[in-house]
PDB file of N, CA and C in Angstrom:
ATOM      1  N   MET A   1     -56.464  -9.751  58.008  1.00  0.00           N
ATOM      2  CA  MET A   1     -56.244 -10.489  56.711  1.00  0.00           C
ATOM      3  C   MET A   1     -57.452 -10.290  55.764  1.00  0.00           C
ATOM      4  N   ALA A   2     -58.344  -9.633  56.148  1.00  0.00           N
ATOM      5  CA  ALA A   2     -59.575  -9.488  55.327  1.00  0.00           C
ATOM      6  C   ALA A   2     -59.202  -8.603  54.130  1.00  0.00           C
ATOM      7  N   ASN A   3     -58.260  -7.685  54.194  1.00  0.00           N
ATOM      8  CA  ASN A   3     -57.929  -6.688  53.193  1.00  0.00           C
ATOM      9  C   ASN A   3     -57.073  -7.378  52.010  1.00  0.00           C
ATOM     10  N   ILE A   4     -56.700  -8.649  52.101  1.00  0.00           N
ATOM     11  CA  ILE A   4     -55.853  -9.285  51.109  1.00  0.00           C
ATOM     12  C   ILE A   4     -56.750  -9.766  50.073  1.00  0.00           C
ATOM     13  N   ARG A   5     -56.491  -9.401  48.724  1.00  0.00           N
ATOM     14  CA  ARG A   5     -57.351  -9.867  47.779  1.00  0.00           C
ATOM     15  C   ARG A   5     -56.798 -11.251  47.314  1.00  0.00           C
ATOM     16  N   LYS A   6     -57.708 -12.051  46.924  1.00  0.00           N
ATOM     17  CA  LYS A   6     -57.384 -13.322  46.323  1.00  0.00           C
ATOM     18  C   LYS A   6     -57.012 -13.091  44.848  1.00  0.00           C
ATOM     19  N   PRO A   7     -56.011 -13.874  44.328  1.00  0.00           N
ATOM     20  CA  PRO A   7     -55.530 -13.751  43.023  1.00  0.00           C
ATOM     21  C   PRO A   7     -56.833 -14.150  42.051  1.00  0.00           C
ATOM     22  N   SER A   8     -57.095 -13.224  41.082  1.00  0.00           N
ATOM     23  CA  SER A   8     -58.150 -13.504  40.165  1.00  0.00           C
ATOM     24  C   SER A   8     -57.636 -14.476  39.042  1.00  0.00           C
ATOM     25  N   LYS A   9     -58.637 -14.958  38.419  1.00  0.00           N
ATOM     26  CA  LYS A   9     -58.294 -15.893  37.316  1.00  0.00           C
ATOM     27  C   LYS A   9     -57.685 -15.143  36.225  1.00  0.00           C
ATOM     28  N   LYS A  10     -56.744 -15.727  35.437  1.00  0.00           N
ATOM     29  CA  LYS A  10     -56.170 -14.980  34.371  1.00  0.00           C
ATOM     30  C   LYS A  10     -57.269 -14.919  33.227  1.00  0.00           C
ATOM     31  N   THR A  11     -57.270 -13.653  32.673  1.00  0.00           N
ATOM     32  CA  THR A  11     -58.132 -13.410  31.555  1.00  0.00           C
ATOM     33  C   THR A  11     -57.387 -13.551  30.277  1.00  0.00           C
ATOM     34  N   GLU A  12     -57.986 -14.290  29.391  1.00  0.00           N
ATOM     35  CA  GLU A  12     -57.190 -14.374  28.036  1.00  0.00           C
ATOM     36  C   GLU A  12     -57.176 -13.169  27.352  1.00  0.00           C
ATOM     37  N   THR A  13     -56.065 -12.900  26.796  1.00  0.00           N
ATOM     38  CA  THR A  13     -55.942 -11.743  25.918  1.00  0.00           C
ATOM     39  C   THR A  13     -56.018 -12.152  24.359  1.00  0.00           C
ATOM     40  N   ARG A  14     -56.952 -11.537  23.749  1.00  0.00           N
ATOM     41  CA  ARG A  14     -57.163 -11.974  22.427  1.00  0.00           C
ATOM     42  C   ARG A  14     -56.318 -11.076  21.507  1.00  0.00           C
ATOM     43  N   HIS A  15     -55.515 -11.532  20.614  1.00  0.00           N
ATOM     44  CA  HIS A  15     -54.723 -10.739  19.692  1.00  0.00           C
ATOM     45  C   HIS A  15     -55.562 -10.566  18.357  1.00  0.00           C
ATOM     46  N   VAL A  16     -55.748  -9.213  17.985  1.00  0.00           N
ATOM     47  CA  VAL A  16     -56.503  -8.947  16.781  1.00  0.00           C
ATOM     48  C   VAL A  16     -55.463  -8.543  15.749  1.00  0.00           C
ATOM     49  N   ALA A  17     -55.683  -8.853  14.526  1.00  0.00           N
ATOM     50  CA  ALA A  17     -54.763  -8.550  13.361  1.00  0.00           C
ATOM     51  C   ALA A  17     -54.958  -7.034  13.071  1.00  0.00           C
ATOM     52  N   LEU A  18     -53.869  -6.391  12.782  1.00  0.00           N
ATOM     53  CA  LEU A  18     -53.945  -5.040  12.414  1.00  0.00           C
ATOM     54  C   LEU A  18     -54.546  -4.868  10.957  1.00  0.00           C
ATOM     55  N   SER A  19     -55.244  -3.880  10.782  1.00  0.00           N
ATOM     56  CA  SER A  19     -55.793  -3.560   9.465  1.00  0.00           C
ATOM     57  C   SER A  19     -55.475  -2.141   9.030  1.00  0.00           C
ATOM     58  N   LEU A  20     -55.730  -1.618   7.867  1.00  0.00           N
ATOM     59  CA  LEU A  20     -55.510  -0.302   7.537  1.00  0.00           C
ATOM     60  C   LEU A  20     -56.224   0.657   8.366  1.00  0.00           C
ATOM     61  N   LYS A  21     -57.331   0.392   8.902  1.00  0.00           N
ATOM     62  CA  LYS A  21     -58.104   1.177   9.745  1.00  0.00           C
ATOM     63  C   LYS A  21     -57.341   1.566  11.044  1.00  0.00           C
ATOM     64  N   ASN A  22     -56.487   0.612  11.592  1.00  0.00           N
ATOM     65  CA  ASN A  22     -55.737   0.792  12.676  1.00  0.00           C
ATOM     66  C   ASN A  22     -54.611   1.756  12.352  1.00  0.00           C
ATOM     67  N   LEU A  23     -54.219   1.747  11.260  1.00  0.00           N
ATOM     68  CA  LEU A  23     -52.970   2.599  10.875  1.00  0.00           C
ATOM     69  C   LEU A  23     -53.230   3.916  10.135  1.00  0.00           C
ATOM     70  N   THR A  24     -54.464   4.290  10.162  1.00  0.00           N
ATOM     71  CA  THR A  24     -54.954   5.454   9.511  1.00  0.00           C
ATOM     72  C   THR A  24     -54.127   6.666  10.043  1.00  0.00           C
ATOM     73  N   GLY A  25     -53.991   6.708  11.343  1.00  0.00           N
ATOM     74  CA  GLY A  25     -53.363   7.921  11.937  1.00  0.00           C
ATOM     75  C   GLY A  25     -51.863   8.025  11.425  1.00  0.00           C
ATOM     76  N   ALA A  26     -51.160   6.795  11.440  1.00  0.00           N
ATOM     77  CA  ALA A  26     -49.846   6.894  10.975  1.00  0.00           C
ATOM     78  C   ALA A  26     -49.748   7.345   9.472  1.00  0.00           C
ATOM     79  N   PHE A  27     -50.741   6.935   8.644  1.00  0.00           N
ATOM     80  CA  PHE A  27     -50.686   7.401   7.282  1.00  0.00           C
ATOM     81  C   PHE A  27     -50.997   8.938   7.093  1.00  0.00           C
ATOM     82  N   VAL A  28     -51.830   9.352   7.945  1.00  0.00           N
ATOM     83  CA  VAL A  28     -52.172  10.766   7.898  1.00  0.00           C
ATOM     84  C   VAL A  28     -51.008  11.595   8.454  1.00  0.00           C
ATOM     85  N   VAL A  29     -50.220  11.227   9.273  1.00  0.00           N
ATOM     86  CA  VAL A  29     -49.041  11.940   9.746  1.00  0.00           C
ATOM     87  C   VAL A  29     -47.986  11.941   8.584  1.00  0.00           C
ATOM     88  N   LEU A  30     -47.784  10.652   8.019  1.00  0.00           N
ATOM     89  CA  LEU A  30     -46.925  10.646   6.798  1.00  0.00           C
ATOM     90  C   LEU A  30     -47.356  11.536   5.806  1.00  0.00           C
ATOM     91  N   LEU A  31     -48.531  11.561   5.398  1.00  0.00           N
ATOM     92  CA  LEU A  31     -49.045  12.485   4.241  1.00  0.00           C
ATOM     93  C   LEU A  31     -48.760  13.962   4.556  1.00  0.00           C
ATOM     94  N   ILE A  32     -49.035  14.331   5.835  1.00  0.00           N
ATOM     95  CA  ILE A  32     -48.781  15.764   6.377  1.00  0.00           C
ATOM     96  C   ILE A  32     -47.343  16.036   6.238  1.00  0.00           C
ATOM     97  N   GLY A  33     -46.475  15.180   6.539  1.00  0.00           N
ATOM     98  CA  GLY A  33     -44.971  15.314   6.489  1.00  0.00           C
ATOM     99  C   GLY A  33     -44.522  15.450   5.069  1.00  0.00           C
ATOM    100  N   PHE A  34     -45.009  14.651   4.114  1.00  0.00           N
ATOM    101  CA  PHE A  34     -44.703  14.686   2.697  1.00  0.00           C
ATOM    102  C   PHE A  34     -45.210  16.023   2.171  1.00  0.00           C
ATOM    103  N   SER A  35     -46.368  16.423   2.431  1.00  0.00           N
ATOM    104  CA  SER A  35     -47.007  17.589   1.864  1.00  0.00           C
ATOM    105  C   SER A  35     -46.213  18.895   2.505  1.00  0.00           C
ATOM    106  N   LEU A  36     -45.770  18.872   3.760  1.00  0.00           N
ATOM    107  CA  LEU A  36     -45.061  19.973   4.277  1.00  0.00           C
ATOM    108  C   LEU A  36     -43.682  19.992   3.581  1.00  0.00           C
ATOM    109  N   SER A  37     -42.980  18.954   3.379  1.00  0.00           N
ATOM    110  CA  SER A  37     -41.734  18.991   2.866  1.00  0.00           C
ATOM    111  C   SER A  37     -41.686  19.332   1.411  1.00  0.00           C
ATOM    112  N   PHE A  38     -42.673  19.011   0.690  1.00  0.00           N
ATOM    113  CA  PHE A  38     -42.929  19.319  -0.728  1.00  0.00           C
ATOM    114  C   PHE A  38     -43.200  20.880  -0.835  1.00  0.00           C
ATOM    115  N   PHE A  39     -44.045  21.405   0.214  1.00  0.00           N
ATOM    116  CA  PHE A  39     -44.322  22.860   0.180  1.00  0.00           C
ATOM    117  C   PHE A  39     -43.035  23.665   0.424  1.00  0.00           C
ATOM    118  N   VAL A  40     -42.219  23.216   1.368  1.00  0.00           N
ATOM    119  CA  VAL A  40     -40.992  23.912   1.721  1.00  0.00           C
ATOM    120  C   VAL A  40     -40.025  23.892   0.510  1.00  0.00           C
ATOM    121  N   PHE A  41     -40.004  22.759  -0.193  1.00  0.00           N
ATOM    122  CA  PHE A  41     -39.111  22.648  -1.388  1.00  0.00           C
ATOM    123  C   PHE A  41     -39.580  23.653  -2.430  1.00  0.00           C
ATOM    124  N   LEU A  42     -40.894  23.848  -2.674  1.00  0.00           N
ATOM    125  CA  LEU A  42     -41.357  24.807  -3.693  1.00  0.00           C
ATOM    126  C   LEU A  42     -41.081  26.242  -3.241  1.00  0.00           C
ATOM    127  N   VAL A  43     -41.214  26.482  -2.009  1.00  0.00           N
ATOM    128  CA  VAL A  43     -40.760  27.886  -1.365  1.00  0.00           C
ATOM    129  C   VAL A  43     -39.342  28.117  -1.612  1.00  0.00           C
ATOM    130  N   GLU A  44     -38.505  27.245  -1.368  1.00  0.00           N
ATOM    131  CA  GLU A  44     -37.034  27.386  -1.542  1.00  0.00           C
ATOM    132  C   GLU A  44     -36.695  27.588  -3.020  1.00  0.00           C
ATOM    133  N   ARG A  45     -37.361  26.901  -3.914  1.00  0.00           N
ATOM    134  CA  ARG A  45     -37.195  27.018  -5.374  1.00  0.00           C
ATOM    135  C   ARG A  45     -37.550  28.473  -5.750  1.00  0.00           C
ATOM    136  N   ILE A  46     -38.770  28.850  -5.362  1.00  0.00           N
ATOM    137  CA  ILE A  46     -39.278  30.158  -5.717  1.00  0.00           C
ATOM    138  C   ILE A  46     -38.448  31.227  -5.269  1.00  0.00           C
ATOM    139  N   THR A  47     -38.063  31.222  -3.967  1.00  0.00           N
ATOM    140  CA  THR A  47     -37.198  32.342  -3.432  1.00  0.00           C
ATOM    141  C   THR A  47     -35.785  32.378  -4.024  1.00  0.00           C
ATOM    142  N   SER A  48     -35.263  31.152  -4.352  1.00  0.00           N
ATOM    143  CA  SER A  48     -34.040  31.280  -5.016  1.00  0.00           C
ATOM    144  C   SER A  48     -33.888  31.720  -6.438  1.00  0.00           C
ATOM    145  N   MET A  49     -35.171  31.464  -7.058  1.00  0.00           N
ATOM    146  CA  MET A  49     -35.190  32.049  -8.473  1.00  0.00           C
ATOM    147  C   MET A  49     -35.439  33.605  -8.298  1.00  0.00           C
ATOM    148  N   ALA A  50     -36.223  33.933  -7.317  1.00  0.00           N
ATOM    149  CA  ALA A  50     -36.478  35.319  -7.144  1.00  0.00           C
ATOM    150  C   ALA A  50     -35.244  36.174  -6.787  1.00  0.00           C
ATOM    151  N   ALA A  51     -34.345  35.575  -6.091  1.00  0.00           N
ATOM    152  CA  ALA A  51     -33.132  36.208  -5.553  1.00  0.00           C
ATOM    153  C   ALA A  51     -32.016  36.175  -6.651  1.00  0.00           C
ATOM    154  N   GLY A  52     -32.243  35.451  -7.791  1.00  0.00           N
ATOM    155  CA  GLY A  52     -31.293  35.426  -8.803  1.00  0.00           C
ATOM    156  C   GLY A  52     -30.072  34.443  -8.443  1.00  0.00           C
ATOM    157  N   ARG A  53     -30.377  33.581  -7.610  1.00  0.00           N
ATOM    158  CA  ARG A  53     -29.255  32.550  -7.266  1.00  0.00           C
ATOM    159  C   ARG A  53     -29.363  31.330  -8.133  1.00  0.00           C
ATOM    160  N   ASN A  54     -30.016  31.365  -9.242  1.00  0.00           N
ATOM    161  CA  ASN A  54     -30.236  30.234 -10.081  1.00  0.00           C
ATOM    162  C   ASN A  54     -29.266  30.085 -11.197  1.00  0.00           C
ATOM    163  N   ASN A  55     -28.054  30.776 -10.953  1.00  0.00           N
ATOM    164  CA  ASN A  55     -27.046  30.754 -11.941  1.00  0.00           C
ATOM    165  C   ASN A  55     -26.347  29.469 -12.049  1.00  0.00           C
ATOM    166  N   VAL A  56     -25.823  29.181 -13.361  1.00  0.00           N
ATOM    167  CA  VAL A  56     -25.082  28.019 -13.546  1.00  0.00           C
ATOM    168  C   VAL A  56     -23.573  28.335 -13.104  1.00  0.00           C
ATOM    169  N   VAL A  57     -23.081  27.331 -12.543  1.00  0.00           N
ATOM    170  CA  VAL A  57     -21.641  27.459 -12.045  1.00  0.00           C
ATOM    171  C   VAL A  57     -20.765  27.472 -13.268  1.00  0.00           C
ATOM    172  N   LYS A  58     -19.901  28.530 -13.328  1.00  0.00           N
ATOM    173  CA  LYS A  58     -19.040  28.646 -14.494  1.00  0.00           C
ATOM    174  C   LYS A  58     -17.808  27.817 -14.330  1.00  0.00           C
ATOM    175  N   LYS A  59     -17.286  27.347 -15.454  1.00  0.00           N
ATOM    176  CA  LYS A  59     -16.246  26.507 -15.573  1.00  0.00           C
ATOM    177  C   LYS A  59     -14.834  27.272 -15.306  1.00  0.00           C
ATOM    178  N   SER A  60     -14.077  26.737 -14.439  1.00  0.00           N
ATOM    179  CA  SER A  60     -12.726  27.469 -14.165  1.00  0.00           C
ATOM    180  C   SER A  60     -11.770  27.279 -15.334  1.00  0.00           C
ATOM    181  N   PRO A  61     -10.959  28.189 -15.763  1.00  0.00           N
ATOM    182  CA  PRO A  61     -10.080  28.156 -16.723  1.00  0.00           C
ATOM    183  C   PRO A  61      -8.995  27.052 -16.619  1.00  0.00           C
ATOM    184  N   ASP A  62      -8.830  26.677 -15.225  1.00  0.00           N
ATOM    185  CA  ASP A  62      -7.743  25.666 -14.951  1.00  0.00           C
ATOM    186  C   ASP A  62      -8.187  24.235 -15.211  1.00  0.00           C
ATOM    187  N   ILE A  63      -9.512  24.032 -15.522  1.00  0.00           N
ATOM    188  CA  ILE A  63      -9.984  22.682 -15.807  1.00  0.00           C
ATOM    189  C   ILE A  63      -9.936  22.304 -17.297  1.00  0.00           C
ATOM    190  N   SER A  64      -9.249  21.270 -17.526  1.00  0.00           N
ATOM    191  CA  SER A  64      -9.038  20.738 -18.961  1.00  0.00           C
ATOM    192  C   SER A  64     -10.142  19.945 -19.508  1.00  0.00           C
ATOM    193  N   ASP A  65     -10.329  20.129 -20.812  1.00  0.00           N
ATOM    194  CA  ASP A  65     -11.448  19.390 -21.560  1.00  0.00           C
ATOM    195  C   ASP A  65     -10.802  18.050 -22.077  1.00  0.00           C
ATOM    196  N   ASP A  66      -9.520  17.767 -21.884  1.00  0.00           N
ATOM    197  CA  ASP A  66      -8.832  16.639 -22.233  1.00  0.00           C
ATOM    198  C   ASP A  66      -9.319  15.374 -21.602  1.00  0.00           C
ATOM    199  N   PRO A  67      -9.968  14.478 -22.485  1.00  0.00           N
ATOM    200  CA  PRO A  67     -10.511  13.218 -21.701  1.00  0.00           C
ATOM    201  C   PRO A  67      -9.505  12.247 -21.460  1.00  0.00           C
ATOM    202  N   THR A  68      -8.308  12.465 -21.968  1.00  0.00           N
ATOM    203  CA  THR A  68      -7.245  11.516 -21.726  1.00  0.00           C
ATOM    204  C   THR A  68      -6.557  11.570 -20.304  1.00  0.00           C
ATOM    205  N   LEU A  69      -6.826  12.702 -19.678  1.00  0.00           N
ATOM    206  CA  LEU A  69      -6.299  12.864 -18.218  1.00  0.00           C
ATOM    207  C   LEU A  69      -7.049  11.930 -17.277  1.00  0.00           C
ATOM    208  N   SER A  70      -6.354  11.372 -16.461  1.00  0.00           N
ATOM    209  CA  SER A  70      -6.969  10.478 -15.457  1.00  0.00           C
ATOM    210  C   SER A  70      -7.432  11.332 -14.318  1.00  0.00           C
ATOM    211  N   ILE A  71      -8.140  10.621 -13.480  1.00  0.00           N
ATOM    212  CA  ILE A  71      -8.780  11.371 -12.259  1.00  0.00           C
ATOM    213  C   ILE A  71      -7.586  11.818 -11.357  1.00  0.00           C
ATOM    214  N   ASN A  72      -6.525  11.149 -11.294  1.00  0.00           N
ATOM    215  CA  ASN A  72      -5.466  11.588 -10.353  1.00  0.00           C
ATOM    216  C   ASN A  72      -4.580  12.626 -10.906  1.00  0.00           C
ATOM    217  N   GLU A  73      -4.652  12.888 -12.267  1.00  0.00           N
ATOM    218  CA  GLU A  73      -3.829  13.853 -12.827  1.00  0.00           C
ATOM    219  C   GLU A  73      -4.479  15.158 -12.905  1.00  0.00           C
ATOM    220  N   SER A  74      -3.783  16.177 -12.788  1.00  0.00           N
ATOM    221  CA  SER A  74      -4.302  17.578 -13.055  1.00  0.00           C
ATOM    222  C   SER A  74      -3.636  18.081 -14.356  1.00  0.00           C
ATOM    223  N   VAL A  75      -4.101  19.358 -14.630  1.00  0.00           N
ATOM    224  CA  VAL A  75      -3.578  19.943 -15.893  1.00  0.00           C
ATOM    225  C   VAL A  75      -2.108  20.172 -15.942  1.00  0.00           C
ATOM    226  N   GLY A  76      -1.546  20.554 -14.811  1.00  0.00           N
ATOM    227  CA  GLY A  76      -0.146  20.929 -14.725  1.00  0.00           C
ATOM    228  C   GLY A  76       0.758  19.557 -14.490  1.00  0.00           C
ATOM    229  N   ASP A  77       0.157  18.476 -14.150  1.00  0.00           N
ATOM    230  CA  ASP A  77       1.067  17.335 -13.903  1.00  0.00           C
ATOM    231  C   ASP A  77       1.756  16.716 -15.235  1.00  0.00           C
ATOM    232  N   GLU A  78       2.854  16.296 -15.072  1.00  0.00           N
ATOM    233  CA  GLU A  78       3.449  15.625 -16.203  1.00  0.00           C
ATOM    234  C   GLU A  78       2.968  14.239 -16.293  1.00  0.00           C
ATOM    235  N   LYS A  79       2.743  13.740 -17.422  1.00  0.00           N
ATOM    236  CA  LYS A  79       2.318  12.413 -17.639  1.00  0.00           C
ATOM    237  C   LYS A  79       3.472  11.444 -17.581  1.00  0.00           C
ATOM    238  N   VAL A  80       3.283  10.300 -16.866  1.00  0.00           N
ATOM    239  CA  VAL A  80       4.448   9.356 -16.678  1.00  0.00           C
ATOM    240  C   VAL A  80       4.043   8.251 -17.534  1.00  0.00           C
ATOM    241  N   GLU A  81       4.885   7.803 -18.479  1.00  0.00           N
ATOM    242  CA  GLU A  81       4.589   6.619 -19.323  1.00  0.00           C
ATOM    243  C   GLU A  81       4.780   5.429 -18.567  1.00  0.00           C
ATOM    244  N   ASP A  82       4.114   4.336 -18.929  1.00  0.00           N
ATOM    245  CA  ASP A  82       4.106   2.992 -18.230  1.00  0.00           C
ATOM    246  C   ASP A  82       5.605   2.425 -18.084  1.00  0.00           C
ATOM    247  N   ASP A  83       6.348   2.724 -19.139  1.00  0.00           N
ATOM    248  CA  ASP A  83       7.818   2.152 -19.185  1.00  0.00           C
ATOM    249  C   ASP A  83       8.584   2.890 -18.119  1.00  0.00           C
ATOM    250  N   GLU A  84       8.356   4.174 -17.966  1.00  0.00           N
ATOM    251  CA  GLU A  84       9.167   4.976 -16.947  1.00  0.00           C
ATOM    252  C   GLU A  84       8.858   4.502 -15.576  1.00  0.00           C
ATOM    253  N   ARG A  85       7.638   4.045 -15.276  1.00  0.00           N
ATOM    254  CA  ARG A  85       7.218   3.685 -13.935  1.00  0.00           C
ATOM    255  C   ARG A  85       7.905   2.498 -13.464  1.00  0.00           C
ATOM    256  N   ARG A  86       8.175   1.510 -14.276  1.00  0.00           N
ATOM    257  CA  ARG A  86       8.854   0.266 -13.973  1.00  0.00           C
ATOM    258  C   ARG A  86      10.240   0.333 -13.723  1.00  0.00           C
TER     259      ARG A  86
END
């Protein structure tokens, strides 16, 4: 029984408030991520401009400029008056 340890007294754990110094590593990782994503964005923009893919999408001739058309109507649909719906 000589090998059995006696339970030691509990040591008190002190809680220390976090400060910005404790979070420096997290902010460094965040800054590296932001920098890397911005760099990749710039590279994608430059390569798309160099490849000539910066063209504006051309409007289809099937699309009408008539602002009276509702979202659910298309150019070929017949307009139904309110009186005819009832």
